[in-house]
Amino acid sequence: MRKLLLALAVTFSVSLAACGDDAPAGESQFSADAVVIDVRTPEEYTEGHLEGAKNIDFLSPDFAAQVDQLPKDAEYVLYCRSGNRSGQAKSIMENLGFTDVTNAGAYDDLK
């Protein structure tokens, strides 16, 4: 499992670098211990998701309440269909006091 998360971290960092992020390609910005959250709908999640990803639907009316129950000092990596919802989710989480949240972008680019 740790090797899979490390592989995902490398994949995420390459995607982030390709999107104009400041991280050099191939250099991970987060640890293998990061909590990966798929913020797509349960239907989208069921159609395919990254192994080990937790599903918290950004469109759910209680999204903020759900994420507010998570430990604020953990490292989180978010993704969705295009990177839009995960970007909005990142902002919400940061406004709730989370300090280590990364928008990894689109699921199709990560799988």
PDB file of N, CA and C in Angstrom:
ATOM      1  N   MET A   1       0.827  -1.187   0.000  1.00  0.00           N
ATOM      2  CA  MET A   1       0.000   0.000   0.000  1.00  0.00           C
ATOM      3  C   MET A   1       0.876   1.257   0.000  1.00  0.00           C
ATOM      4  N   ARG A   2       1.933   1.248   0.790  1.00  0.00           N
ATOM      5  CA  ARG A   2       2.828   2.408   0.865  1.00  0.00           C
ATOM      6  C   ARG A   2       3.478   2.677  -0.495  1.00  0.00           C
ATOM      7  N   LYS A   3       3.850   1.600  -1.205  1.00  0.00           N
ATOM      8  CA  LYS A   3       4.457   1.759  -2.525  1.00  0.00           C
ATOM      9  C   LYS A   3       3.444   2.345  -3.504  1.00  0.00           C
ATOM     10  N   LEU A   4       2.171   1.917  -3.409  1.00  0.00           N
ATOM     11  CA  LEU A   4       1.132   2.451  -4.279  1.00  0.00           C
ATOM     12  C   LEU A   4       0.936   3.937  -4.026  1.00  0.00           C
ATOM     13  N   LEU A   5       0.887   4.327  -2.755  1.00  0.00           N
ATOM     14  CA  LEU A   5       0.715   5.745  -2.434  1.00  0.00           C
ATOM     15  C   LEU A   5       1.908   6.564  -2.906  1.00  0.00           C
ATOM     16  N   LEU A   6       3.099   6.006  -2.812  1.00  0.00           N
ATOM     17  CA  LEU A   6       4.276   6.709  -3.304  1.00  0.00           C
ATOM     18  C   LEU A   6       4.195   6.877  -4.820  1.00  0.00           C
ATOM     19  N   ALA A   7       3.749   5.834  -5.512  1.00  0.00           N
ATOM     20  CA  ALA A   7       3.577   5.932  -6.963  1.00  0.00           C
ATOM     21  C   ALA A   7       2.534   6.984  -7.312  1.00  0.00           C
ATOM     22  N   LEU A   8       1.449   7.030  -6.541  1.00  0.00           N
ATOM     23  CA  LEU A   8       0.429   8.050  -6.767  1.00  0.00           C
ATOM     24  C   LEU A   8       1.003   9.444  -6.522  1.00  0.00           C
ATOM     25  N   ALA A   9       1.826   9.582  -5.504  1.00  0.00           N
ATOM     26  CA  ALA A   9       2.423  10.878  -5.200  1.00  0.00           C
ATOM     27  C   ALA A   9       3.268  11.365  -6.364  1.00  0.00           C
ATOM     28  N   VAL A  10       4.036  10.470  -6.956  1.00  0.00           N
ATOM     29  CA  VAL A  10       4.859  10.845  -8.102  1.00  0.00           C
ATOM     30  C   VAL A  10       3.968  11.230  -9.273  1.00  0.00           C
ATOM     31  N   THR A  11       2.920  10.443  -9.517  1.00  0.00           N
ATOM     32  CA  THR A  11       1.978  10.752 -10.597  1.00  0.00           C
ATOM     33  C   THR A  11       1.332  12.103 -10.372  1.00  0.00           C
ATOM     34  N   PHE A  12       0.882  12.366  -9.152  1.00  0.00           N
ATOM     35  CA  PHE A  12       0.255  13.643  -8.822  1.00  0.00           C
ATOM     36  C   PHE A  12       1.219  14.796  -9.072  1.00  0.00           C
ATOM     37  N   SER A  13       2.460  14.649  -8.632  1.00  0.00           N
ATOM     38  CA  SER A  13       3.408  15.760  -8.760  1.00  0.00           C
ATOM     39  C   SER A  13       3.712  16.053 -10.224  1.00  0.00           C
ATOM     40  N   VAL A  14       3.773  15.010 -11.054  1.00  0.00           N
ATOM     41  CA  VAL A  14       3.996  15.226 -12.482  1.00  0.00           C
ATOM     42  C   VAL A  14       2.811  15.971 -13.069  1.00  0.00           C
ATOM     43  N   SER A  15       1.583  15.592 -12.685  1.00  0.00           N
ATOM     44  CA  SER A  15       0.392  16.295 -13.162  1.00  0.00           C
ATOM     45  C   SER A  15       0.390  17.734 -12.704  1.00  0.00           C
ATOM     46  N   LEU A  16       0.754  17.965 -11.466  1.00  0.00           N
ATOM     47  CA  LEU A  16       0.783  19.325 -10.940  1.00  0.00           C
ATOM     48  C   LEU A  16       1.815  20.168 -11.676  1.00  0.00           C
ATOM     49  N   ALA A  17       2.966  19.598 -11.948  1.00  0.00           N
ATOM     50  CA  ALA A  17       3.994  20.341 -12.662  1.00  0.00           C
ATOM     51  C   ALA A  17       3.531  20.679 -14.070  1.00  0.00           C
ATOM     52  N   ALA A  18       2.806  19.770 -14.683  1.00  0.00           N
ATOM     53  CA  ALA A  18       2.299  20.014 -16.028  1.00  0.00           C
ATOM     54  C   ALA A  18       1.247  21.104 -16.036  1.00  0.00           C
ATOM     55  N   CYS A  19       0.608  21.349 -14.910  1.00  0.00           N
ATOM     56  CA  CYS A  19      -0.432  22.373 -14.816  1.00  0.00           C
ATOM     57  C   CYS A  19       0.142  23.718 -14.398  1.00  0.00           C
ATOM     58  N   GLY A  20       1.450  23.859 -14.427  1.00  0.00           N
ATOM     59  CA  GLY A  20       2.055  25.140 -14.101  1.00  0.00           C
ATOM     60  C   GLY A  20       2.358  25.312 -12.627  1.00  0.00           C
ATOM     61  N   ASP A  21       2.267  24.263 -11.848  1.00  0.00           N
ATOM     62  CA  ASP A  21       2.591  24.343 -10.428  1.00  0.00           C
ATOM     63  C   ASP A  21       4.086  24.556 -10.275  1.00  0.00           C
ATOM     64  N   ASP A  22       4.522  25.012  -9.126  1.00  0.00           N
ATOM     65  CA  ASP A  22       5.927  25.317  -8.895  1.00  0.00           C
ATOM     66  C   ASP A  22       6.798  24.092  -8.654  1.00  0.00           C
ATOM     67  N   ALA A  23       6.210  22.931  -8.473  1.00  0.00           N
ATOM     68  CA  ALA A  23       7.002  21.739  -8.169  1.00  0.00           C
ATOM     69  C   ALA A  23       7.696  21.220  -9.419  1.00  0.00           C
ATOM     70  N   PRO A  24       8.976  20.883  -9.319  1.00  0.00           N
ATOM     71  CA  PRO A  24       9.676  20.286 -10.457  1.00  0.00           C
ATOM     72  C   PRO A  24       9.053  18.938 -10.801  1.00  0.00           C
ATOM     73  N   ALA A  25       9.025  18.600 -12.086  1.00  0.00           N
ATOM     74  CA  ALA A  25       8.438  17.336 -12.526  1.00  0.00           C
ATOM     75  C   ALA A  25       9.119  16.173 -11.832  1.00  0.00           C
ATOM     76  N   GLY A  26       8.311  15.205 -11.379  1.00  0.00           N
ATOM     77  CA  GLY A  26       8.834  14.011 -10.738  1.00  0.00           C
ATOM     78  C   GLY A  26       9.147  14.182  -9.271  1.00  0.00           C
ATOM     79  N   GLU A  27       9.012  15.383  -8.737  1.00  0.00           N
ATOM     80  CA  GLU A  27       9.311  15.635  -7.328  1.00  0.00           C
ATOM     81  C   GLU A  27       7.996  15.771  -6.571  1.00  0.00           C
ATOM     82  N   SER A  28       7.732  14.868  -5.643  1.00  0.00           N
ATOM     83  CA  SER A  28       6.475  14.851  -4.910  1.00  0.00           C
ATOM     84  C   SER A  28       6.366  16.021  -3.951  1.00  0.00           C
ATOM     85  N   GLN A  29       5.166  16.615  -3.900  1.00  0.00           N
ATOM     86  CA  GLN A  29       4.904  17.692  -2.958  1.00  0.00           C
ATOM     87  C   GLN A  29       4.269  17.183  -1.682  1.00  0.00           C
ATOM     88  N   PHE A  30       3.904  15.911  -1.631  1.00  0.00           N
ATOM     89  CA  PHE A  30       3.239  15.375  -0.458  1.00  0.00           C
ATOM     90  C   PHE A  30       3.730  13.972  -0.185  1.00  0.00           C
ATOM     91  N   SER A  31       3.479  13.540   1.037  1.00  0.00           N
ATOM     92  CA  SER A  31       4.002  12.252   1.482  1.00  0.00           C
ATOM     93  C   SER A  31       3.080  11.096   1.109  1.00  0.00           C
ATOM     94  N   ALA A  32       3.614   9.905   1.265  1.00  0.00           N
ATOM     95  CA  ALA A  32       2.827   8.696   1.019  1.00  0.00           C
ATOM     96  C   ALA A  32       1.735   8.539   2.069  1.00  0.00           C
ATOM     97  N   ASP A  33       1.802   9.300   3.151  1.00  0.00           N
ATOM     98  CA  ASP A  33       0.789   9.237   4.200  1.00  0.00           C
ATOM     99  C   ASP A  33      -0.381  10.172   3.941  1.00  0.00           C
ATOM    100  N   ALA A  34      -0.352  10.908   2.843  1.00  0.00           N
ATOM    101  CA  ALA A  34      -1.421  11.855   2.533  1.00  0.00           C
ATOM    102  C   ALA A  34      -2.754  11.126   2.377  1.00  0.00           C
ATOM    103  N   VAL A  35      -3.823  11.771   2.829  1.00  0.00           N
ATOM    104  CA  VAL A  35      -5.179  11.250   2.668  1.00  0.00           C
ATOM    105  C   VAL A  35      -5.681  11.734   1.308  1.00  0.00           C
ATOM    106  N   VAL A  36      -6.009  10.782   0.430  1.00  0.00           N
ATOM    107  CA  VAL A  36      -6.485  11.118  -0.913  1.00  0.00           C
ATOM    108  C   VAL A  36      -8.009  11.158  -0.878  1.00  0.00           C
ATOM    109  N   ILE A  37      -8.579  12.292  -1.324  1.00  0.00           N
ATOM    110  CA  ILE A  37     -10.031  12.466  -1.312  1.00  0.00           C
ATOM    111  C   ILE A  37     -10.528  12.753  -2.714  1.00  0.00           C
ATOM    112  N   ASP A  38     -11.459  11.925  -3.168  1.00  0.00           N
ATOM    113  CA  ASP A  38     -12.166  12.105  -4.433  1.00  0.00           C
ATOM    114  C   ASP A  38     -13.417  12.912  -4.106  1.00  0.00           C
ATOM    115  N   VAL A  39     -13.515  14.134  -4.621  1.00  0.00           N
ATOM    116  CA  VAL A  39     -14.648  14.992  -4.277  1.00  0.00           C
ATOM    117  C   VAL A  39     -15.777  14.918  -5.307  1.00  0.00           C
ATOM    118  N   ARG A  40     -15.721  13.925  -6.192  1.00  0.00           N
ATOM    119  CA  ARG A  40     -16.789  13.734  -7.176  1.00  0.00           C
ATOM    120  C   ARG A  40     -18.008  13.086  -6.508  1.00  0.00           C
ATOM    121  N   THR A  41     -19.078  12.987  -7.272  1.00  0.00           N
ATOM    122  CA  THR A  41     -20.302  12.362  -6.755  1.00  0.00           C
ATOM    123  C   THR A  41     -20.066  10.873  -6.518  1.00  0.00           C
ATOM    124  N   PRO A  42     -20.902  10.243  -5.688  1.00  0.00           N
ATOM    125  CA  PRO A  42     -20.767   8.796  -5.475  1.00  0.00           C
ATOM    126  C   PRO A  42     -20.889   8.002  -6.787  1.00  0.00           C
ATOM    127  N   GLU A  43     -21.715   8.477  -7.697  1.00  0.00           N
ATOM    128  CA  GLU A  43     -21.863   7.793  -8.990  1.00  0.00           C
ATOM    129  C   GLU A  43     -20.554   7.857  -9.783  1.00  0.00           C
ATOM    130  N   GLU A  44     -19.916   9.011  -9.811  1.00  0.00           N
ATOM    131  CA  GLU A  44     -18.636   9.147 -10.507  1.00  0.00           C
ATOM    132  C   GLU A  44     -17.575   8.275  -9.841  1.00  0.00           C
ATOM    133  N   TYR A  45     -17.564   8.275  -8.515  1.00  0.00           N
ATOM    134  CA  TYR A  45     -16.610   7.486  -7.743  1.00  0.00           C
ATOM    135  C   TYR A  45     -16.765   5.998  -8.060  1.00  0.00           C
ATOM    136  N   THR A  46     -18.010   5.535  -8.139  1.00  0.00           N
ATOM    137  CA  THR A  46     -18.298   4.128  -8.426  1.00  0.00           C
ATOM    138  C   THR A  46     -17.810   3.717  -9.815  1.00  0.00           C
ATOM    139  N   GLU A  47     -17.838   4.654 -10.763  1.00  0.00           N
ATOM    140  CA  GLU A  47     -17.397   4.361 -12.135  1.00  0.00           C
ATOM    141  C   GLU A  47     -15.883   4.177 -12.223  1.00  0.00           C
ATOM    142  N   GLY A  48     -15.165   4.625 -11.216  1.00  0.00           N
ATOM    143  CA  GLY A  48     -13.713   4.478 -11.179  1.00  0.00           C
ATOM    144  C   GLY A  48     -13.105   5.531 -10.287  1.00  0.00           C
ATOM    145  N   HIS A  49     -12.114   5.134  -9.501  1.00  0.00           N
ATOM    146  CA  HIS A  49     -11.443   6.055  -8.583  1.00  0.00           C
ATOM    147  C   HIS A  49     -10.039   5.535  -8.291  1.00  0.00           C
ATOM    148  N   LEU A  50      -9.222   6.400  -7.729  1.00  0.00           N
ATOM    149  CA  LEU A  50      -7.882   5.981  -7.338  1.00  0.00           C
ATOM    150  C   LEU A  50      -7.969   5.054  -6.132  1.00  0.00           C
ATOM    151  N   GLU A  51      -7.156   4.024  -6.150  1.00  0.00           N
ATOM    152  CA  GLU A  51      -7.167   3.058  -5.054  1.00  0.00           C
ATOM    153  C   GLU A  51      -6.846   3.761  -3.739  1.00  0.00           C
ATOM    154  N   GLY A  52      -7.670   3.495  -2.734  1.00  0.00           N
ATOM    155  CA  GLY A  52      -7.462   4.059  -1.413  1.00  0.00           C
ATOM    156  C   GLY A  52      -8.085   5.428  -1.213  1.00  0.00           C
ATOM    157  N   ALA A  53      -8.651   6.006  -2.279  1.00  0.00           N
ATOM    158  CA  ALA A  53      -9.251   7.335  -2.158  1.00  0.00           C
ATOM    159  C   ALA A  53     -10.563   7.270  -1.394  1.00  0.00           C
ATOM    160  N   LYS A  54     -10.764   8.248  -0.534  1.00  0.00           N
ATOM    161  CA  LYS A  54     -12.005   8.398   0.219  1.00  0.00           C
ATOM    162  C   LYS A  54     -12.923   9.298  -0.607  1.00  0.00           C
ATOM    163  N   ASN A  55     -14.207   8.977  -0.663  1.00  0.00           N
ATOM    164  CA  ASN A  55     -15.162   9.787  -1.427  1.00  0.00           C
ATOM    165  C   ASN A  55     -15.937  10.712  -0.499  1.00  0.00           C
ATOM    166  N   ILE A  56     -15.766  12.026  -0.701  1.00  0.00           N
ATOM    167  CA  ILE A  56     -16.572  13.030  -0.013  1.00  0.00           C
ATOM    168  C   ILE A  56     -17.105  13.950  -1.107  1.00  0.00           C
ATOM    169  N   ASP A  57     -18.379  13.843  -1.398  1.00  0.00           N
ATOM    170  CA  ASP A  57     -19.027  14.545  -2.505  1.00  0.00           C
ATOM    171  C   ASP A  57     -19.056  16.058  -2.269  1.00  0.00           C
ATOM    172  N   PHE A  58     -18.333  16.795  -3.108  1.00  0.00           N
ATOM    173  CA  PHE A  58     -18.307  18.252  -2.987  1.00  0.00           C
ATOM    174  C   PHE A  58     -19.703  18.857  -3.167  1.00  0.00           C
ATOM    175  N   LEU A  59     -20.542  18.218  -3.980  1.00  0.00           N
ATOM    176  CA  LEU A  59     -21.879  18.751  -4.247  1.00  0.00           C
ATOM    177  C   LEU A  59     -22.876  18.441  -3.138  1.00  0.00           C
ATOM    178  N   SER A  60     -22.475  17.648  -2.171  1.00  0.00           N
ATOM    179  CA  SER A  60     -23.339  17.335  -1.042  1.00  0.00           C
ATOM    180  C   SER A  60     -23.554  18.597  -0.207  1.00  0.00           C
ATOM    181  N   PRO A  61     -24.796  18.833   0.244  1.00  0.00           N
ATOM    182  CA  PRO A  61     -25.051  20.035   1.038  1.00  0.00           C
ATOM    183  C   PRO A  61     -24.255  20.094   2.344  1.00  0.00           C
ATOM    184  N   ASP A  62     -23.789  18.954   2.824  1.00  0.00           N
ATOM    185  CA  ASP A  62     -23.022  18.949   4.072  1.00  0.00           C
ATOM    186  C   ASP A  62     -21.534  18.684   3.852  1.00  0.00           C
ATOM    187  N   PHE A  63     -21.032  19.013   2.662  1.00  0.00           N
ATOM    188  CA  PHE A  63     -19.613  18.794   2.360  1.00  0.00           C
ATOM    189  C   PHE A  63     -18.715  19.432   3.421  1.00  0.00           C
ATOM    190  N   ALA A  64     -18.935  20.699   3.705  1.00  0.00           N
ATOM    191  CA  ALA A  64     -18.090  21.405   4.681  1.00  0.00           C
ATOM    192  C   ALA A  64     -18.152  20.738   6.052  1.00  0.00           C
ATOM    193  N   ALA A  65     -19.333  20.312   6.461  1.00  0.00           N
ATOM    194  CA  ALA A  65     -19.479  19.647   7.758  1.00  0.00           C
ATOM    195  C   ALA A  65     -18.740  18.307   7.764  1.00  0.00           C
ATOM    196  N   GLN A  66     -18.773  17.585   6.645  1.00  0.00           N
ATOM    197  CA  GLN A  66     -18.077  16.298   6.569  1.00  0.00           C
ATOM    198  C   GLN A  66     -16.561  16.481   6.682  1.00  0.00           C
ATOM    199  N   VAL A  67     -16.008  17.425   5.917  1.00  0.00           N
ATOM    200  CA  VAL A  67     -14.557  17.594   5.967  1.00  0.00           C
ATOM    201  C   VAL A  67     -14.115  18.228   7.286  1.00  0.00           C
ATOM    202  N   ASP A  68     -15.002  18.998   7.891  1.00  0.00           N
ATOM    203  CA  ASP A  68     -14.657  19.630   9.162  1.00  0.00           C
ATOM    204  C   ASP A  68     -14.436  18.598  10.272  1.00  0.00           C
ATOM    205  N   GLN A  69     -14.915  17.372  10.076  1.00  0.00           N
ATOM    206  CA  GLN A  69     -14.728  16.289  11.050  1.00  0.00           C
ATOM    207  C   GLN A  69     -13.345  15.640  10.928  1.00  0.00           C
ATOM    208  N   LEU A  70     -12.628  15.929   9.843  1.00  0.00           N
ATOM    209  CA  LEU A  70     -11.306  15.333   9.613  1.00  0.00           C
ATOM    210  C   LEU A  70     -10.236  16.069  10.422  1.00  0.00           C
ATOM    211  N   PRO A  71      -9.137  15.377  10.749  1.00  0.00           N
ATOM    212  CA  PRO A  71      -8.038  16.039  11.458  1.00  0.00           C
ATOM    213  C   PRO A  71      -7.461  17.163  10.594  1.00  0.00           C
ATOM    214  N   LYS A  72      -7.341  18.331  11.153  1.00  0.00           N
ATOM    215  CA  LYS A  72      -6.904  19.504  10.393  1.00  0.00           C
ATOM    216  C   LYS A  72      -5.399  19.518  10.129  1.00  0.00           C
ATOM    217  N   ASP A  73      -4.641  18.733  10.887  1.00  0.00           N
ATOM    218  CA  ASP A  73      -3.193  18.750  10.713  1.00  0.00           C
ATOM    219  C   ASP A  73      -2.667  17.646   9.792  1.00  0.00           C
ATOM    220  N   ALA A  74      -3.561  16.866   9.201  1.00  0.00           N
ATOM    221  CA  ALA A  74      -3.141  15.818   8.265  1.00  0.00           C
ATOM    222  C   ALA A  74      -2.902  16.427   6.882  1.00  0.00           C
ATOM    223  N   GLU A  75      -2.276  15.653   6.027  1.00  0.00           N
ATOM    224  CA  GLU A  75      -2.012  16.074   4.655  1.00  0.00           C
ATOM    225  C   GLU A  75      -3.105  15.493   3.749  1.00  0.00           C
ATOM    226  N   TYR A  76      -3.713  16.337   2.912  1.00  0.00           N
ATOM    227  CA  TYR A  76      -4.812  15.923   2.042  1.00  0.00           C
ATOM    228  C   TYR A  76      -4.490  16.228   0.588  1.00  0.00           C
ATOM    229  N   VAL A  77      -4.876  15.290  -0.280  1.00  0.00           N
ATOM    230  CA  VAL A  77      -4.748  15.449  -1.727  1.00  0.00           C
ATOM    231  C   VAL A  77      -6.137  15.248  -2.306  1.00  0.00           C
ATOM    232  N   LEU A  78      -6.619  16.248  -3.037  1.00  0.00           N
ATOM    233  CA  LEU A  78      -7.976  16.221  -3.584  1.00  0.00           C
ATOM    234  C   LEU A  78      -7.947  16.084  -5.104  1.00  0.00           C
ATOM    235  N   TYR A  79      -8.940  15.391  -5.651  1.00  0.00           N
ATOM    236  CA  TYR A  79      -9.105  15.358  -7.101  1.00  0.00           C
ATOM    237  C   TYR A  79     -10.583  15.246  -7.437  1.00  0.00           C
ATOM    238  N   CYS A  80     -10.913  15.577  -8.687  1.00  0.00           N
ATOM    239  CA  CYS A  80     -12.296  15.467  -9.181  1.00  0.00           C
ATOM    240  C   CYS A  80     -12.249  15.156 -10.674  1.00  0.00           C
ATOM    241  N   ARG A  81     -13.258  15.555 -11.419  1.00  0.00           N
ATOM    242  CA  ARG A  81     -13.282  15.274 -12.859  1.00  0.00           C
ATOM    243  C   ARG A  81     -12.329  16.178 -13.629  1.00  0.00           C
ATOM    244  N   SER A  82     -12.330  17.465 -13.305  1.00  0.00           N
ATOM    245  CA  SER A  82     -11.534  18.419 -14.083  1.00  0.00           C
ATOM    246  C   SER A  82     -10.536  19.219 -13.248  1.00  0.00           C
ATOM    247  N   GLY A  83     -10.667  19.200 -11.928  1.00  0.00           N
ATOM    248  CA  GLY A  83      -9.836  20.019 -11.052  1.00  0.00           C
ATOM    249  C   GLY A  83     -10.587  21.219 -10.500  1.00  0.00           C
ATOM    250  N   ASN A  84     -11.783  21.490 -11.024  1.00  0.00           N
ATOM    251  CA  ASN A  84     -12.575  22.630 -10.566  1.00  0.00           C
ATOM    252  C   ASN A  84     -13.146  22.397  -9.172  1.00  0.00           C
ATOM    253  N   ARG A  85     -13.884  21.314  -8.991  1.00  0.00           N
ATOM    254  CA  ARG A  85     -14.473  21.037  -7.674  1.00  0.00           C
ATOM    255  C   ARG A  85     -13.397  20.827  -6.616  1.00  0.00           C
ATOM    256  N   SER A  86     -12.311  20.143  -6.990  1.00  0.00           N
ATOM    257  CA  SER A  86     -11.245  19.924  -6.001  1.00  0.00           C
ATOM    258  C   SER A  86     -10.575  21.247  -5.637  1.00  0.00           C
ATOM    259  N   GLY A  87     -10.504  22.186  -6.560  1.00  0.00           N
ATOM    260  CA  GLY A  87      -9.974  23.510  -6.248  1.00  0.00           C
ATOM    261  C   GLY A  87     -10.877  24.263  -5.284  1.00  0.00           C
ATOM    262  N   GLN A  88     -12.180  24.176  -5.515  1.00  0.00           N
ATOM    263  CA  GLN A  88     -13.133  24.816  -4.611  1.00  0.00           C
ATOM    264  C   GLN A  88     -13.122  24.138  -3.238  1.00  0.00           C
ATOM    265  N   ALA A  89     -13.012  22.805  -3.244  1.00  0.00           N
ATOM    266  CA  ALA A  89     -12.955  22.055  -1.984  1.00  0.00           C
ATOM    267  C   ALA A  89     -11.709  22.438  -1.190  1.00  0.00           C
ATOM    268  N   LYS A  90     -10.595  22.622  -1.878  1.00  0.00           N
ATOM    269  CA  LYS A  90      -9.345  23.040  -1.230  1.00  0.00           C
ATOM    270  C   LYS A  90      -9.554  24.374  -0.516  1.00  0.00           C
ATOM    271  N   SER A  91     -10.196  25.318  -1.179  1.00  0.00           N
ATOM    272  CA  SER A  91     -10.455  26.630  -0.568  1.00  0.00           C
ATOM    273  C   SER A  91     -11.321  26.504   0.675  1.00  0.00           C
ATOM    274  N   ILE A  92     -12.351  25.676   0.593  1.00  0.00           N
ATOM    275  CA  ILE A  92     -13.232  25.468   1.751  1.00  0.00           C
ATOM    276  C   ILE A  92     -12.446  24.874   2.910  1.00  0.00           C
ATOM    277  N   MET A  93     -11.642  23.862   2.617  1.00  0.00           N
ATOM    278  CA  MET A  93     -10.872  23.219   3.672  1.00  0.00           C
ATOM    279  C   MET A  93      -9.880  24.193   4.306  1.00  0.00           C
ATOM    280  N   GLU A  94      -9.233  25.009   3.494  1.00  0.00           N
ATOM    281  CA  GLU A  94      -8.294  25.989   4.048  1.00  0.00           C
ATOM    282  C   GLU A  94      -9.027  27.015   4.911  1.00  0.00           C
ATOM    283  N   ASN A  95     -10.218  27.412   4.496  1.00  0.00           N
ATOM    284  CA  ASN A  95     -11.021  28.342   5.298  1.00  0.00           C
ATOM    285  C   ASN A  95     -11.457  27.715   6.619  1.00  0.00           C
ATOM    286  N   LEU A  96     -11.532  26.383   6.656  1.00  0.00           N
ATOM    287  CA  LEU A  96     -11.896  25.667   7.885  1.00  0.00           C
ATOM    288  C   LEU A  96     -10.681  25.423   8.785  1.00  0.00           C
ATOM    289  N   GLY A  97      -9.500  25.800   8.329  1.00  0.00           N
ATOM    290  CA  GLY A  97      -8.309  25.652   9.158  1.00  0.00           C
ATOM    291  C   GLY A  97      -7.356  24.545   8.750  1.00  0.00           C
ATOM    292  N   PHE A  98      -7.611  23.858   7.636  1.00  0.00           N
ATOM    293  CA  PHE A  98      -6.691  22.834   7.155  1.00  0.00           C
ATOM    294  C   PHE A  98      -5.457  23.529   6.603  1.00  0.00           C
ATOM    295  N   THR A  99      -4.284  22.972   6.876  1.00  0.00           N
ATOM    296  CA  THR A  99      -3.043  23.649   6.509  1.00  0.00           C
ATOM    297  C   THR A  99      -2.255  22.970   5.398  1.00  0.00           C
ATOM    298  N   ASP A 100      -2.622  21.734   5.039  1.00  0.00           N
ATOM    299  CA  ASP A 100      -1.847  20.996   4.036  1.00  0.00           C
ATOM    300  C   ASP A 100      -2.800  20.301   3.062  1.00  0.00           C
ATOM    301  N   VAL A 101      -3.293  21.067   2.102  1.00  0.00           N
ATOM    302  CA  VAL A 101      -4.264  20.554   1.133  1.00  0.00           C
ATOM    303  C   VAL A 101      -3.744  20.831  -0.271  1.00  0.00           C
ATOM    304  N   THR A 102      -3.724  19.795  -1.117  1.00  0.00           N
ATOM    305  CA  THR A 102      -3.260  19.918  -2.494  1.00  0.00           C
ATOM    306  C   THR A 102      -4.389  19.561  -3.444  1.00  0.00           C
ATOM    307  N   ASN A 103      -4.600  20.384  -4.451  1.00  0.00           N
ATOM    308  CA  ASN A 103      -5.527  20.072  -5.541  1.00  0.00           C
ATOM    309  C   ASN A 103      -4.728  19.345  -6.605  1.00  0.00           C
ATOM    310  N   ALA A 104      -4.959  18.032  -6.726  1.00  0.00           N
ATOM    311  CA  ALA A 104      -4.218  17.222  -7.699  1.00  0.00           C
ATOM    312  C   ALA A 104      -4.842  17.269  -9.084  1.00  0.00           C
ATOM    313  N   GLY A 105      -6.022  17.866  -9.218  1.00  0.00           N
ATOM    314  CA  GLY A 105      -6.611  18.042 -10.532  1.00  0.00           C
ATOM    315  C   GLY A 105      -7.585  16.958 -10.941  1.00  0.00           C
ATOM    316  N   ALA A 106      -7.492  16.579 -12.218  1.00  0.00           N
ATOM    317  CA  ALA A 106      -8.486  15.710 -12.863  1.00  0.00           C
ATOM    318  C   ALA A 106      -8.181  14.220 -12.697  1.00  0.00           C
ATOM    319  N   TYR A 107      -9.217  13.468 -12.391  1.00  0.00           N
ATOM    320  CA  TYR A 107      -9.094  12.011 -12.240  1.00  0.00           C
ATOM    321  C   TYR A 107      -8.506  11.364 -13.490  1.00  0.00           C
ATOM    322  N   ASP A 108      -9.008  11.735 -14.678  1.00  0.00           N
ATOM    323  CA  ASP A 108      -8.537  11.106 -15.911  1.00  0.00           C
ATOM    324  C   ASP A 108      -7.032  11.317 -16.131  1.00  0.00           C
ATOM    325  N   ASP A 109      -6.500  12.430 -15.642  1.00  0.00           N
ATOM    326  CA  ASP A 109      -5.067  12.676 -15.756  1.00  0.00           C
ATOM    327  C   ASP A 109      -4.260  11.900 -14.737  1.00  0.00           C
ATOM    328  N   LEU A 110      -4.907  11.452 -13.668  1.00  0.00           N
ATOM    329  CA  LEU A 110      -4.211  10.775 -12.575  1.00  0.00           C
ATOM    330  C   LEU A 110      -4.249   9.260 -12.680  1.00  0.00           C
ATOM    331  N   LYS A 111      -5.299   8.708 -13.297  1.00  0.00           N
ATOM    332  CA  LYS A 111      -5.456   7.243 -13.295  1.00  0.00           C
ATOM    333  C   LYS A 111      -4.428   6.526 -14.126  1.00  0.00           C
TER     334      LYS A 111
END
